[in-house]
Amino acid sequence: MNQGNLNKVWEIQALKRKPAQDEDRKILKRIAHLVRPIMRKRQWRVKLLSEFCPTNARLLGLTVDRGVRVKLRFRGPNRDDHFYPYDQVLDTMLRELCHKVLGPHDVKFYKLWDEPRKECKMLTAKVITGTSQDFDLPGRRLGGSSKRPPISSLRQTALAAAERRAVLGSLLPSGPWCLVADSSIMVLSPAQAAAMAVAG
């Protein structure tokens, strides 16, 4: 057996008392799938990834037995309907994985934590999930239909596009405009634009 296949999350467990247990399992699976290349690279293994709701409201994650088990908090304290942002839960997972190597939150720990964070950003930017081997990406089967991407990834794509448009919009002049003879852009007021349209 390839030892690299062991460097992953082996089992996930959602809390049974929560009403959205199936959704919680999906979140855990998605996180486990996304961090798998990072874990493989560092030869990190987690036997059990689970959700927990500690009484300490500030505790977002917990590593047990140097990462044999990792626990993540999804919701605010005493609020089953208030989920933390997915990116925050994913970042907590990366932090807890780093506790497999270093315990205290010191300079070495934060330097180590930056590495999988950067890798995770690259993986999400490339829309790579899972092992990133053997075409482990959503695809289209010949003569069949492809799997639709999850709604959450569509929302992220739409948000990224909106943010790009906002940045570009702040760089370009707003309102009616026209090119003038010297290739510069002349910004017109609404009244000027209307007058040019009538004259035009």
C-alpha atoms as a PDB file:
ATOM      1  CA  MET A   1       0.000   0.000   0.000  1.00  0.00           C
ATOM      2  CA  ASN A   2       1.233   3.489  -0.861  1.00  0.00           C
ATOM      3  CA  GLN A   3       2.085   5.245   2.427  1.00  0.00           C
ATOM      4  CA  GLY A   4       0.970   8.566   0.884  1.00  0.00           C
ATOM      5  CA  ASN A   5      -2.609   7.273   0.922  1.00  0.00           C
ATOM      6  CA  LEU A   6      -2.494   7.256   4.722  1.00  0.00           C
ATOM      7  CA  ASN A   7      -1.613  10.956   4.966  1.00  0.00           C
ATOM      8  CA  LYS A   8      -5.145  12.275   5.144  1.00  0.00           C
ATOM      9  CA  VAL A   9      -8.188  12.505   7.413  1.00  0.00           C
ATOM     10  CA  TRP A  10      -9.340   8.920   7.940  1.00  0.00           C
ATOM     11  CA  GLU A  11     -12.740   9.490   9.530  1.00  0.00           C
ATOM     12  CA  ILE A  12     -15.149  12.361  10.139  1.00  0.00           C
ATOM     13  CA  GLN A  13     -17.847  12.719  12.758  1.00  0.00           C
ATOM     14  CA  ALA A  14     -20.578  15.346  13.066  1.00  0.00           C
ATOM     15  CA  LEU A  15     -22.416  16.047  16.302  1.00  0.00           C
ATOM     16  CA  LYS A  16     -25.572  13.946  16.527  1.00  0.00           C
ATOM     17  CA  ARG A  17     -27.587  16.436  18.551  1.00  0.00           C
ATOM     18  CA  LYS A  18     -27.462  19.115  15.878  1.00  0.00           C
ATOM     19  CA  PRO A  19     -30.399  19.536  13.473  1.00  0.00           C
ATOM     20  CA  ALA A  20     -28.137  20.012  10.433  1.00  0.00           C
ATOM     21  CA  GLN A  21     -26.002  16.899  10.909  1.00  0.00           C
ATOM     22  CA  ASP A  22     -25.871  16.091   7.178  1.00  0.00           C
ATOM     23  CA  GLU A  23     -24.723  19.630   6.377  1.00  0.00           C
ATOM     24  CA  ASP A  24     -22.072  19.388   9.092  1.00  0.00           C
ATOM     25  CA  ARG A  25     -20.772  16.158   7.571  1.00  0.00           C
ATOM     26  CA  LYS A  26     -20.527  17.884   4.188  1.00  0.00           C
ATOM     27  CA  ILE A  27     -18.469  20.709   5.707  1.00  0.00           C
ATOM     28  CA  LEU A  28     -16.134  18.231   7.415  1.00  0.00           C
ATOM     29  CA  LYS A  29     -15.756  16.210   4.190  1.00  0.00           C
ATOM     30  CA  ARG A  30     -15.058  19.347   2.179  1.00  0.00           C
ATOM     31  CA  ILE A  31     -12.384  20.508   4.625  1.00  0.00           C
ATOM     32  CA  ALA A  32     -10.784  17.039   4.784  1.00  0.00           C
ATOM     33  CA  HIS A  33     -10.771  16.864   0.989  1.00  0.00           C
ATOM     34  CA  LEU A  34      -9.249  20.322   0.534  1.00  0.00           C
ATOM     35  CA  VAL A  35      -6.391  19.861   3.024  1.00  0.00           C
ATOM     36  CA  ARG A  36      -5.453  16.414   1.737  1.00  0.00           C
ATOM     37  CA  PRO A  37      -2.653  17.609  -0.613  1.00  0.00           C
ATOM     38  CA  ILE A  38      -1.230  19.705   2.234  1.00  0.00           C
ATOM     39  CA  MET A  39      -1.314  16.721   4.576  1.00  0.00           C
ATOM     40  CA  ARG A  40       0.229  14.420   1.970  1.00  0.00           C
ATOM     41  CA  LYS A  41       3.102  16.846   1.377  1.00  0.00           C
ATOM     42  CA  ARG A  42       3.944  16.954   5.102  1.00  0.00           C
ATOM     43  CA  GLN A  43       3.033  13.332   5.885  1.00  0.00           C
ATOM     44  CA  TRP A  44       0.365  14.439   8.368  1.00  0.00           C
ATOM     45  CA  ARG A  45      -2.422  12.055   9.375  1.00  0.00           C
ATOM     46  CA  VAL A  46      -5.611  12.655  11.329  1.00  0.00           C
ATOM     47  CA  LYS A  47      -7.536   9.633  12.513  1.00  0.00           C
ATOM     48  CA  LEU A  48     -10.719  11.540  13.397  1.00  0.00           C
ATOM     49  CA  LEU A  49     -11.935  15.008  12.372  1.00  0.00           C
ATOM     50  CA  SER A  50     -15.028  16.042  14.295  1.00  0.00           C
ATOM     51  CA  GLU A  51     -17.189  18.980  15.234  1.00  0.00           C
ATOM     52  CA  PHE A  52     -17.427  20.131  18.830  1.00  0.00           C
ATOM     53  CA  CYS A  53     -19.175  22.837  20.858  1.00  0.00           C
ATOM     54  CA  PRO A  54     -16.998  23.659  23.876  1.00  0.00           C
ATOM     55  CA  THR A  55     -18.240  25.833  26.724  1.00  0.00           C
ATOM     56  CA  ASN A  56     -15.300  28.207  26.177  1.00  0.00           C
ATOM     57  CA  ALA A  57     -16.680  30.596  23.540  1.00  0.00           C
ATOM     58  CA  ARG A  58     -13.197  31.564  22.345  1.00  0.00           C
ATOM     59  CA  LEU A  59     -12.086  27.998  21.588  1.00  0.00           C
ATOM     60  CA  LEU A  60     -12.425  27.359  17.840  1.00  0.00           C
ATOM     61  CA  GLY A  61     -10.379  24.183  17.491  1.00  0.00           C
ATOM     62  CA  LEU A  62      -8.610  21.514  19.470  1.00  0.00           C
ATOM     63  CA  THR A  63      -5.845  19.037  18.668  1.00  0.00           C
ATOM     64  CA  VAL A  64      -5.793  15.829  20.707  1.00  0.00           C
ATOM     65  CA  ASP A  65      -2.768  13.513  20.966  1.00  0.00           C
ATOM     66  CA  ARG A  66      -0.618  15.646  18.625  1.00  0.00           C
ATOM     67  CA  GLY A  67      -3.191  15.574  15.872  1.00  0.00           C
ATOM     68  CA  VAL A  68      -4.520  12.041  16.089  1.00  0.00           C
ATOM     69  CA  ARG A  69      -7.889  13.745  16.565  1.00  0.00           C
ATOM     70  CA  VAL A  70      -8.843  17.278  15.504  1.00  0.00           C
ATOM     71  CA  LYS A  71     -12.013  19.041  16.661  1.00  0.00           C
ATOM     72  CA  LEU A  72     -13.486  22.103  14.959  1.00  0.00           C
ATOM     73  CA  ARG A  73     -16.167  24.547  16.041  1.00  0.00           C
ATOM     74  CA  PHE A  74     -18.712  25.485  13.348  1.00  0.00           C
ATOM     75  CA  ARG A  75     -21.205  27.558  15.336  1.00  0.00           C
ATOM     76  CA  GLY A  76     -21.302  30.392  17.796  1.00  0.00           C
ATOM     77  CA  PRO A  77     -21.861  29.499  21.453  1.00  0.00           C
ATOM     78  CA  ASN A  78     -25.449  28.436  22.213  1.00  0.00           C
ATOM     79  CA  ARG A  79     -26.518  29.303  18.650  1.00  0.00           C
ATOM     80  CA  ASP A  80     -27.224  26.272  16.508  1.00  0.00           C
ATOM     81  CA  ASP A  81     -28.317  28.506  13.615  1.00  0.00           C
ATOM     82  CA  HIS A  82     -25.229  30.765  13.607  1.00  0.00           C
ATOM     83  CA  PHE A  83     -22.444  29.205  11.516  1.00  0.00           C
ATOM     84  CA  TYR A  84     -18.952  30.653  11.397  1.00  0.00           C
ATOM     85  CA  PRO A  85     -17.682  31.500   7.877  1.00  0.00           C
ATOM     86  CA  TYR A  86     -16.303  28.460   6.048  1.00  0.00           C
ATOM     87  CA  ASP A  87     -12.921  30.157   5.479  1.00  0.00           C
ATOM     88  CA  GLN A  88     -12.557  30.679   9.230  1.00  0.00           C
ATOM     89  CA  VAL A  89     -13.282  27.008   9.980  1.00  0.00           C
ATOM     90  CA  LEU A  90     -10.826  25.940   7.247  1.00  0.00           C
ATOM     91  CA  ASP A  91      -8.151  28.246   8.687  1.00  0.00           C
ATOM     92  CA  THR A  92      -8.744  26.719  12.118  1.00  0.00           C
ATOM     93  CA  MET A  93      -8.186  23.265  10.585  1.00  0.00           C
ATOM     94  CA  LEU A  94      -4.849  24.418   9.149  1.00  0.00           C
ATOM     95  CA  ARG A  95      -3.855  25.798  12.542  1.00  0.00           C
ATOM     96  CA  GLU A  96      -4.769  22.561  14.297  1.00  0.00           C
ATOM     97  CA  LEU A  97      -2.765  20.561  11.747  1.00  0.00           C
ATOM     98  CA  CYS A  98       0.288  22.701  12.560  1.00  0.00           C
ATOM     99  CA  HIS A  99      -0.085  21.622  16.190  1.00  0.00           C
ATOM    100  CA  LYS A 100       1.033  18.176  15.022  1.00  0.00           C
ATOM    101  CA  VAL A 101       4.512  19.733  14.818  1.00  0.00           C
ATOM    102  CA  LEU A 102       4.564  22.640  17.272  1.00  0.00           C
ATOM    103  CA  GLY A 103       2.555  23.205  20.436  1.00  0.00           C
ATOM    104  CA  PRO A 104       2.850  26.785  21.688  1.00  0.00           C
ATOM    105  CA  HIS A 105       1.674  29.757  19.632  1.00  0.00           C
ATOM    106  CA  ASP A 106       5.081  31.351  19.210  1.00  0.00           C
ATOM    107  CA  VAL A 107       6.954  32.868  16.252  1.00  0.00           C
ATOM    108  CA  LYS A 108       7.934  29.422  14.890  1.00  0.00           C
ATOM    109  CA  PHE A 109       4.318  28.273  15.043  1.00  0.00           C
ATOM    110  CA  TYR A 110       2.964  31.295  13.143  1.00  0.00           C
ATOM    111  CA  LYS A 111       5.702  30.921  10.527  1.00  0.00           C
ATOM    112  CA  LEU A 112       4.756  27.258  10.081  1.00  0.00           C
ATOM    113  CA  TRP A 113       1.034  28.131   9.909  1.00  0.00           C
ATOM    114  CA  ASP A 114       1.695  30.591   7.064  1.00  0.00           C
ATOM    115  CA  GLU A 115       2.972  27.784   4.805  1.00  0.00           C
ATOM    116  CA  PRO A 116      -0.212  25.655   4.587  1.00  0.00           C
ATOM    117  CA  ARG A 117      -2.285  28.853   4.481  1.00  0.00           C
ATOM    118  CA  LYS A 118      -0.475  29.974   1.327  1.00  0.00           C
ATOM    119  CA  GLU A 119      -0.774  26.495  -0.190  1.00  0.00           C
ATOM    120  CA  CYS A 120      -4.477  26.400   0.623  1.00  0.00           C
ATOM    121  CA  LYS A 121      -5.003  29.770  -1.082  1.00  0.00           C
ATOM    122  CA  MET A 122      -3.224  28.468  -4.164  1.00  0.00           C
ATOM    123  CA  LEU A 123      -5.319  25.292  -4.164  1.00  0.00           C
ATOM    124  CA  THR A 124      -8.573  27.227  -3.874  1.00  0.00           C
ATOM    125  CA  ALA A 125      -7.476  29.773  -6.477  1.00  0.00           C
ATOM    126  CA  LYS A 126      -6.833  26.940  -8.931  1.00  0.00           C
ATOM    127  CA  VAL A 127     -10.108  25.311  -7.903  1.00  0.00           C
ATOM    128  CA  ILE A 128      -8.158  22.178  -7.060  1.00  0.00           C
ATOM    129  CA  THR A 129      -9.730  19.999  -4.435  1.00  0.00           C
ATOM    130  CA  GLY A 130      -8.828  16.610  -3.099  1.00  0.00           C
ATOM    131  CA  THR A 131      -5.665  14.772  -3.955  1.00  0.00           C
ATOM    132  CA  SER A 132      -4.901  16.739  -7.146  1.00  0.00           C
ATOM    133  CA  GLN A 133      -3.713  13.471  -8.644  1.00  0.00           C
ATOM    134  CA  ASP A 134      -5.201  11.188 -11.279  1.00  0.00           C
ATOM    135  CA  PHE A 135      -7.541  13.881 -12.594  1.00  0.00           C
ATOM    136  CA  ASP A 136      -9.215  14.275  -9.216  1.00  0.00           C
ATOM    137  CA  LEU A 137     -11.225  17.238 -10.476  1.00  0.00           C
ATOM    138  CA  PRO A 138     -14.840  17.611 -11.519  1.00  0.00           C
ATOM    139  CA  GLY A 139     -15.037  16.592 -15.164  1.00  0.00           C
ATOM    140  CA  ARG A 140     -17.347  15.579 -17.950  1.00  0.00           C
ATOM    141  CA  ARG A 141     -17.892  11.966 -18.859  1.00  0.00           C
ATOM    142  CA  LEU A 142     -18.126  11.187 -22.571  1.00  0.00           C
ATOM    143  CA  GLY A 143     -21.736  10.668 -23.477  1.00  0.00           C
ATOM    144  CA  GLY A 144     -22.890  11.745 -20.031  1.00  0.00           C
ATOM    145  CA  SER A 145     -23.387  14.825 -17.964  1.00  0.00           C
ATOM    146  CA  SER A 146     -20.928  16.504 -15.624  1.00  0.00           C
ATOM    147  CA  LYS A 147     -21.433  17.071 -11.935  1.00  0.00           C
ATOM    148  CA  ARG A 148     -22.602  20.566 -11.168  1.00  0.00           C
ATOM    149  CA  PRO A 149     -20.248  22.493  -8.927  1.00  0.00           C
ATOM    150  CA  PRO A 150     -21.537  23.057  -5.402  1.00  0.00           C
ATOM    151  CA  ILE A 151     -23.536  26.242  -4.806  1.00  0.00           C
ATOM    152  CA  SER A 152     -20.902  27.471  -2.339  1.00  0.00           C
ATOM    153  CA  SER A 153     -18.161  27.406  -5.005  1.00  0.00           C
ATOM    154  CA  LEU A 154     -20.453  29.252  -7.428  1.00  0.00           C
ATOM    155  CA  ARG A 155     -21.027  31.908  -4.761  1.00  0.00           C
ATOM    156  CA  GLN A 156     -17.270  32.229  -4.207  1.00  0.00           C
ATOM    157  CA  THR A 157     -16.679  32.579  -7.949  1.00  0.00           C
ATOM    158  CA  ALA A 158     -19.420  35.221  -8.231  1.00  0.00           C
ATOM    159  CA  LEU A 159     -18.022  37.093  -5.219  1.00  0.00           C
ATOM    160  CA  ALA A 160     -14.493  37.069  -6.679  1.00  0.00           C
ATOM    161  CA  ALA A 161     -15.841  38.393 -10.011  1.00  0.00           C
ATOM    162  CA  ALA A 162     -17.777  41.144  -8.214  1.00  0.00           C
ATOM    163  CA  GLU A 163     -14.675  42.150  -6.259  1.00  0.00           C
ATOM    164  CA  ARG A 164     -12.630  42.316  -9.492  1.00  0.00           C
ATOM    165  CA  ARG A 165     -15.320  44.492 -11.089  1.00  0.00           C
ATOM    166  CA  ALA A 166     -15.309  46.783  -8.044  1.00  0.00           C
ATOM    167  CA  VAL A 167     -11.526  47.193  -8.228  1.00  0.00           C
ATOM    168  CA  LEU A 168     -11.622  47.861 -11.964  1.00  0.00           C
ATOM    169  CA  GLY A 169     -14.548  50.246 -11.491  1.00  0.00           C
ATOM    170  CA  SER A 170     -12.578  52.283  -8.969  1.00  0.00           C
ATOM    171  CA  LEU A 171      -9.736  52.651 -11.511  1.00  0.00           C
ATOM    172  CA  LEU A 172     -11.950  53.781 -14.400  1.00  0.00           C
ATOM    173  CA  PRO A 173     -13.998  56.963 -14.574  1.00  0.00           C
ATOM    174  CA  SER A 174     -17.644  56.574 -13.736  1.00  0.00           C
ATOM    175  CA  GLY A 175     -20.637  58.020 -15.496  1.00  0.00           C
ATOM    176  CA  PRO A 176     -21.039  58.850 -19.192  1.00  0.00           C
ATOM    177  CA  TRP A 177     -17.776  59.336 -21.045  1.00  0.00           C
ATOM    178  CA  CYS A 178     -16.402  59.618 -24.542  1.00  0.00           C
ATOM    179  CA  LEU A 179     -13.018  59.398 -26.237  1.00  0.00           C
ATOM    180  CA  VAL A 180     -11.684  62.706 -27.512  1.00  0.00           C
ATOM    181  CA  ALA A 181      -9.252  63.348 -30.364  1.00  0.00           C
ATOM    182  CA  ASP A 182      -6.099  63.100 -28.267  1.00  0.00           C
ATOM    183  CA  SER A 183      -7.079  59.551 -27.093  1.00  0.00           C
ATOM    184  CA  SER A 184      -7.862  60.687 -23.575  1.00  0.00           C
ATOM    185  CA  ILE A 185     -11.137  59.968 -21.826  1.00  0.00           C
ATOM    186  CA  MET A 186     -13.400  62.910 -21.133  1.00  0.00           C
ATOM    187  CA  VAL A 187     -15.848  62.413 -18.273  1.00  0.00           C
ATOM    188  CA  LEU A 188     -19.213  64.049 -18.904  1.00  0.00           C
ATOM    189  CA  SER A 189     -21.890  65.136 -16.497  1.00  0.00           C
ATOM    190  CA  PRO A 190     -25.388  63.731 -17.187  1.00  0.00           C
ATOM    191  CA  ALA A 191     -26.451  67.124 -18.621  1.00  0.00           C
ATOM    192  CA  GLN A 192     -23.436  67.222 -20.966  1.00  0.00           C
ATOM    193  CA  ALA A 193     -24.089  63.644 -22.106  1.00  0.00           C
ATOM    194  CA  ALA A 194     -27.747  64.486 -22.854  1.00  0.00           C
ATOM    195  CA  ALA A 195     -26.753  67.597 -24.789  1.00  0.00           C
ATOM    196  CA  MET A 196     -24.256  65.605 -26.880  1.00  0.00           C
ATOM    197  CA  ALA A 197     -26.875  62.935 -27.574  1.00  0.00           C
ATOM    198  CA  VAL A 198     -29.344  65.540 -28.866  1.00  0.00           C
ATOM    199  CA  ALA A 199     -26.700  67.278 -30.968  1.00  0.00           C
ATOM    200  CA  GLY A 200     -25.269  64.019 -32.192  1.00  0.00           C
END
